[in-house]
Amino acid sequence: ELLVRESGGIVTDFAGGHNHFSSGNIVAGNPRIVKSIVQAMSNEISDALKR
């Protein structure tokens, strides 16, 4: 996470939140790409993976 943040990126879970440490579900990259990935995934993944 530190490397991503130091380079200007963000790290979120599949729902765009900050629960990635406990869930193990990680989306990382520059803010624009992460936003696009999370939006695309939101309709495709189950509610269990969004937690």
PDB file of N, CA and C in Angstrom:
ATOM      1  N   GLU A   1       0.827  -1.190   0.000  1.00  0.00           N
ATOM      2  CA  GLU A   1       0.000   0.000   0.000  1.00  0.00           C
ATOM      3  C   GLU A   1       0.871   1.254   0.000  1.00  0.00           C
ATOM      4  N   LEU A   2       1.930   1.231   0.759  1.00  0.00           N
ATOM      5  CA  LEU A   2       2.794   2.408   0.846  1.00  0.00           C
ATOM      6  C   LEU A   2       3.348   2.800  -0.522  1.00  0.00           C
ATOM      7  N   LEU A   3       3.798   1.832  -1.298  1.00  0.00           N
ATOM      8  CA  LEU A   3       4.347   2.135  -2.624  1.00  0.00           C
ATOM      9  C   LEU A   3       3.305   2.770  -3.532  1.00  0.00           C
ATOM     10  N   VAL A   4       2.085   2.257  -3.489  1.00  0.00           N
ATOM     11  CA  VAL A   4       1.016   2.804  -4.327  1.00  0.00           C
ATOM     12  C   VAL A   4       0.706   4.235  -3.913  1.00  0.00           C
ATOM     13  N   ARG A   5       0.557   4.465  -2.626  1.00  0.00           N
ATOM     14  CA  ARG A   5       0.229   5.813  -2.139  1.00  0.00           C
ATOM     15  C   ARG A   5       1.363   6.811  -2.406  1.00  0.00           C
ATOM     16  N   GLU A   6       2.587   6.380  -2.217  1.00  0.00           N
ATOM     17  CA  GLU A   6       3.729   7.270  -2.457  1.00  0.00           C
ATOM     18  C   GLU A   6       3.834   7.675  -3.922  1.00  0.00           C
ATOM     19  N   SER A   7       3.321   6.842  -4.817  1.00  0.00           N
ATOM     20  CA  SER A   7       3.378   7.174  -6.244  1.00  0.00           C
ATOM     21  C   SER A   7       2.115   7.883  -6.724  1.00  0.00           C
ATOM     22  N   GLY A   8       1.231   8.263  -5.790  1.00  0.00           N
ATOM     23  CA  GLY A   8       0.041   9.032  -6.149  1.00  0.00           C
ATOM     24  C   GLY A   8      -1.204   8.203  -6.364  1.00  0.00           C
ATOM     25  N   GLY A   9      -1.127   6.917  -6.086  1.00  0.00           N
ATOM     26  CA  GLY A   9      -2.276   6.040  -6.278  1.00  0.00           C
ATOM     27  C   GLY A   9      -3.101   5.883  -5.021  1.00  0.00           C
ATOM     28  N   ILE A  10      -4.159   5.097  -5.146  1.00  0.00           N
ATOM     29  CA  ILE A  10      -5.011   4.787  -4.000  1.00  0.00           C
ATOM     30  C   ILE A  10      -5.215   3.281  -3.924  1.00  0.00           C
ATOM     31  N   VAL A  11      -5.572   2.819  -2.735  1.00  0.00           N
ATOM     32  CA  VAL A  11      -5.847   1.407  -2.490  1.00  0.00           C
ATOM     33  C   VAL A  11      -7.209   1.325  -1.827  1.00  0.00           C
ATOM     34  N   THR A  12      -8.108   0.517  -2.391  1.00  0.00           N
ATOM     35  CA  THR A  12      -9.439   0.343  -1.821  1.00  0.00           C
ATOM     36  C   THR A  12      -9.805  -1.132  -1.824  1.00  0.00           C
ATOM     37  N   ASP A  13     -10.954  -1.435  -1.217  1.00  0.00           N
ATOM     38  CA  ASP A  13     -11.520  -2.768  -1.365  1.00  0.00           C
ATOM     39  C   ASP A  13     -12.428  -2.762  -2.594  1.00  0.00           C
ATOM     40  N   PHE A  14     -13.114  -3.869  -2.858  1.00  0.00           N
ATOM     41  CA  PHE A  14     -13.936  -3.980  -4.065  1.00  0.00           C
ATOM     42  C   PHE A  14     -15.093  -2.985  -4.096  1.00  0.00           C
ATOM     43  N   ALA A  15     -15.502  -2.480  -2.921  1.00  0.00           N
ATOM     44  CA  ALA A  15     -16.607  -1.526  -2.858  1.00  0.00           C
ATOM     45  C   ALA A  15     -16.116  -0.080  -2.857  1.00  0.00           C
ATOM     46  N   GLY A  16     -14.811   0.122  -2.948  1.00  0.00           N
ATOM     47  CA  GLY A  16     -14.262   1.470  -2.920  1.00  0.00           C
ATOM     48  C   GLY A  16     -13.997   1.983  -1.520  1.00  0.00           C
ATOM     49  N   GLY A  17     -14.102   1.103  -0.537  1.00  0.00           N
ATOM     50  CA  GLY A  17     -13.892   1.496   0.854  1.00  0.00           C
ATOM     51  C   GLY A  17     -12.488   1.179   1.336  1.00  0.00           C
ATOM     52  N   HIS A  18     -12.330   1.212   2.649  1.00  0.00           N
ATOM     53  CA  HIS A  18     -11.013   1.017   3.255  1.00  0.00           C
ATOM     54  C   HIS A  18     -10.928  -0.293   4.033  1.00  0.00           C
ATOM     55  N   ASN A  19     -11.716  -1.278   3.647  1.00  0.00           N
ATOM     56  CA  ASN A  19     -11.769  -2.548   4.357  1.00  0.00           C
ATOM     57  C   ASN A  19     -10.847  -3.596   3.731  1.00  0.00           C
ATOM     58  N   HIS A  20      -9.903  -3.184   2.902  1.00  0.00           N
ATOM     59  CA  HIS A  20      -9.082  -4.137   2.163  1.00  0.00           C
ATOM     60  C   HIS A  20      -8.157  -4.960   3.049  1.00  0.00           C
ATOM     61  N   PHE A  21      -7.759  -4.453   4.206  1.00  0.00           N
ATOM     62  CA  PHE A  21      -6.896  -5.237   5.087  1.00  0.00           C
ATOM     63  C   PHE A  21      -7.624  -6.454   5.640  1.00  0.00           C
ATOM     64  N   SER A  22      -8.845  -6.286   6.071  1.00  0.00           N
ATOM     65  CA  SER A  22      -9.567  -7.415   6.657  1.00  0.00           C
ATOM     66  C   SER A  22     -10.238  -8.295   5.610  1.00  0.00           C
ATOM     67  N   SER A  23     -10.659  -7.712   4.484  1.00  0.00           N
ATOM     68  CA  SER A  23     -11.340  -8.519   3.461  1.00  0.00           C
ATOM     69  C   SER A  23     -10.364  -9.220   2.528  1.00  0.00           C
ATOM     70  N   GLY A  24      -9.198  -8.620   2.313  1.00  0.00           N
ATOM     71  CA  GLY A  24      -8.239  -9.178   1.364  1.00  0.00           C
ATOM     72  C   GLY A  24      -8.560  -8.844  -0.078  1.00  0.00           C
ATOM     73  N   ASN A  25      -9.625  -8.087  -0.295  1.00  0.00           N
ATOM     74  CA  ASN A  25     -10.036  -7.686  -1.647  1.00  0.00           C
ATOM     75  C   ASN A  25      -9.438  -6.322  -1.951  1.00  0.00           C
ATOM     76  N   ILE A  26      -8.525  -6.270  -2.918  1.00  0.00           N
ATOM     77  CA  ILE A  26      -7.757  -5.052  -3.158  1.00  0.00           C
ATOM     78  C   ILE A  26      -7.888  -4.584  -4.598  1.00  0.00           C
ATOM     79  N   VAL A  27      -8.148  -3.291  -4.744  1.00  0.00           N
ATOM     80  CA  VAL A  27      -8.068  -2.605  -6.036  1.00  0.00           C
ATOM     81  C   VAL A  27      -7.079  -1.466  -5.811  1.00  0.00           C
ATOM     82  N   ALA A  28      -6.031  -1.406  -6.632  1.00  0.00           N
ATOM     83  CA  ALA A  28      -5.002  -0.385  -6.443  1.00  0.00           C
ATOM     84  C   ALA A  28      -4.593   0.204  -7.783  1.00  0.00           C
ATOM     85  N   GLY A  29      -4.300   1.496  -7.780  1.00  0.00           N
ATOM     86  CA  GLY A  29      -3.845   2.167  -8.988  1.00  0.00           C
ATOM     87  C   GLY A  29      -4.067   3.653  -8.870  1.00  0.00           C
ATOM     88  N   ASN A  30      -4.003   4.351 -10.001  1.00  0.00           N
ATOM     89  CA  ASN A  30      -4.245   5.792  -9.930  1.00  0.00           C
ATOM     90  C   ASN A  30      -5.738   6.024  -9.680  1.00  0.00           C
ATOM     91  N   PRO A  31      -6.092   7.143  -9.069  1.00  0.00           N
ATOM     92  CA  PRO A  31      -7.481   7.366  -8.655  1.00  0.00           C
ATOM     93  C   PRO A  31      -8.510   7.207  -9.770  1.00  0.00           C
ATOM     94  N   ARG A  32      -8.217   7.673 -10.956  1.00  0.00           N
ATOM     95  CA  ARG A  32      -9.178   7.579 -12.061  1.00  0.00           C
ATOM     96  C   ARG A  32      -9.434   6.120 -12.449  1.00  0.00           C
ATOM     97  N   ILE A  33      -8.382   5.333 -12.526  1.00  0.00           N
ATOM     98  CA  ILE A  33      -8.520   3.931 -12.904  1.00  0.00           C
ATOM     99  C   ILE A  33      -9.233   3.138 -11.813  1.00  0.00           C
ATOM    100  N   VAL A  34      -8.867   3.364 -10.555  1.00  0.00           N
ATOM    101  CA  VAL A  34      -9.520   2.653  -9.451  1.00  0.00           C
ATOM    102  C   VAL A  34     -11.011   2.957  -9.444  1.00  0.00           C
ATOM    103  N   LYS A  35     -11.380   4.211  -9.639  1.00  0.00           N
ATOM    104  CA  LYS A  35     -12.800   4.585  -9.677  1.00  0.00           C
ATOM    105  C   LYS A  35     -13.520   3.830 -10.788  1.00  0.00           C
ATOM    106  N   SER A  36     -12.920   3.753 -11.958  1.00  0.00           N
ATOM    107  CA  SER A  36     -13.530   3.043 -13.089  1.00  0.00           C
ATOM    108  C   SER A  36     -13.668   1.553 -12.812  1.00  0.00           C
ATOM    109  N   ILE A  37     -12.633   0.961 -12.225  1.00  0.00           N
ATOM    110  CA  ILE A  37     -12.670  -0.473 -11.921  1.00  0.00           C
ATOM    111  C   ILE A  37     -13.751  -0.774 -10.893  1.00  0.00           C
ATOM    112  N   VAL A  38     -13.811   0.022  -9.829  1.00  0.00           N
ATOM    113  CA  VAL A  38     -14.812  -0.205  -8.777  1.00  0.00           C
ATOM    114  C   VAL A  38     -16.219  -0.048  -9.343  1.00  0.00           C
ATOM    115  N   GLN A  39     -16.445   0.950 -10.188  1.00  0.00           N
ATOM    116  CA  GLN A  39     -17.764   1.131 -10.802  1.00  0.00           C
ATOM    117  C   GLN A  39     -18.125  -0.053 -11.686  1.00  0.00           C
ATOM    118  N   ALA A  40     -17.183  -0.530 -12.481  1.00  0.00           N
ATOM    119  CA  ALA A  40     -17.449  -1.666 -13.367  1.00  0.00           C
ATOM    120  C   ALA A  40     -17.720  -2.936 -12.569  1.00  0.00           C
ATOM    121  N   MET A  41     -17.013  -3.111 -11.470  1.00  0.00           N
ATOM    122  CA  MET A  41     -17.177  -4.313 -10.652  1.00  0.00           C
ATOM    123  C   MET A  41     -18.454  -4.285  -9.830  1.00  0.00           C
ATOM    124  N   SER A  42     -18.960  -3.105  -9.503  1.00  0.00           N
ATOM    125  CA  SER A  42     -20.081  -2.997  -8.565  1.00  0.00           C
ATOM    126  C   SER A  42     -21.317  -3.762  -9.017  1.00  0.00           C
ATOM    127  N   ASN A  43     -21.546  -3.855 -10.306  1.00  0.00           N
ATOM    128  CA  ASN A  43     -22.716  -4.583 -10.801  1.00  0.00           C
ATOM    129  C   ASN A  43     -22.445  -6.062 -11.013  1.00  0.00           C
ATOM    130  N   GLU A  44     -21.188  -6.470 -10.942  1.00  0.00           N
ATOM    131  CA  GLU A  44     -20.819  -7.841 -11.277  1.00  0.00           C
ATOM    132  C   GLU A  44     -20.498  -8.724 -10.083  1.00  0.00           C
ATOM    133  N   ILE A  45     -20.136  -8.139  -8.949  1.00  0.00           N
ATOM    134  CA  ILE A  45     -19.727  -8.959  -7.811  1.00  0.00           C
ATOM    135  C   ILE A  45     -20.858  -9.099  -6.802  1.00  0.00           C
ATOM    136  N   SER A  46     -20.787 -10.155  -6.015  1.00  0.00           N
ATOM    137  CA  SER A  46     -21.825 -10.412  -5.018  1.00  0.00           C
ATOM    138  C   SER A  46     -21.690  -9.452  -3.842  1.00  0.00           C
ATOM    139  N   ASP A  47     -22.756  -9.341  -3.074  1.00  0.00           N
ATOM    140  CA  ASP A  47     -22.731  -8.477  -1.893  1.00  0.00           C
ATOM    141  C   ASP A  47     -21.681  -8.947  -0.887  1.00  0.00           C
ATOM    142  N   ALA A  48     -21.445 -10.254  -0.827  1.00  0.00           N
ATOM    143  CA  ALA A  48     -20.450 -10.787   0.106  1.00  0.00           C
ATOM    144  C   ALA A  48     -19.053 -10.258  -0.207  1.00  0.00           C
ATOM    145  N   LEU A  49     -18.733 -10.076  -1.471  1.00  0.00           N
ATOM    146  CA  LEU A  49     -17.412  -9.562  -1.843  1.00  0.00           C
ATOM    147  C   LEU A  49     -17.297  -8.060  -1.636  1.00  0.00           C
ATOM    148  N   LYS A  50     -18.402  -7.380  -1.481  1.00  0.00           N
ATOM    149  CA  LYS A  50     -18.382  -5.934  -1.260  1.00  0.00           C
ATOM    150  C   LYS A  50     -18.147  -5.585   0.203  1.00  0.00           C
ATOM    151  N   ARG A  51     -18.136  -6.575   1.071  1.00  0.00           N
ATOM    152  CA  ARG A  51     -17.964  -6.326   2.513  1.00  0.00           C
ATOM    153  C   ARG A  51     -16.520  -6.263   2.891  1.00  0.00           C
TER     154      ARG A  51
END
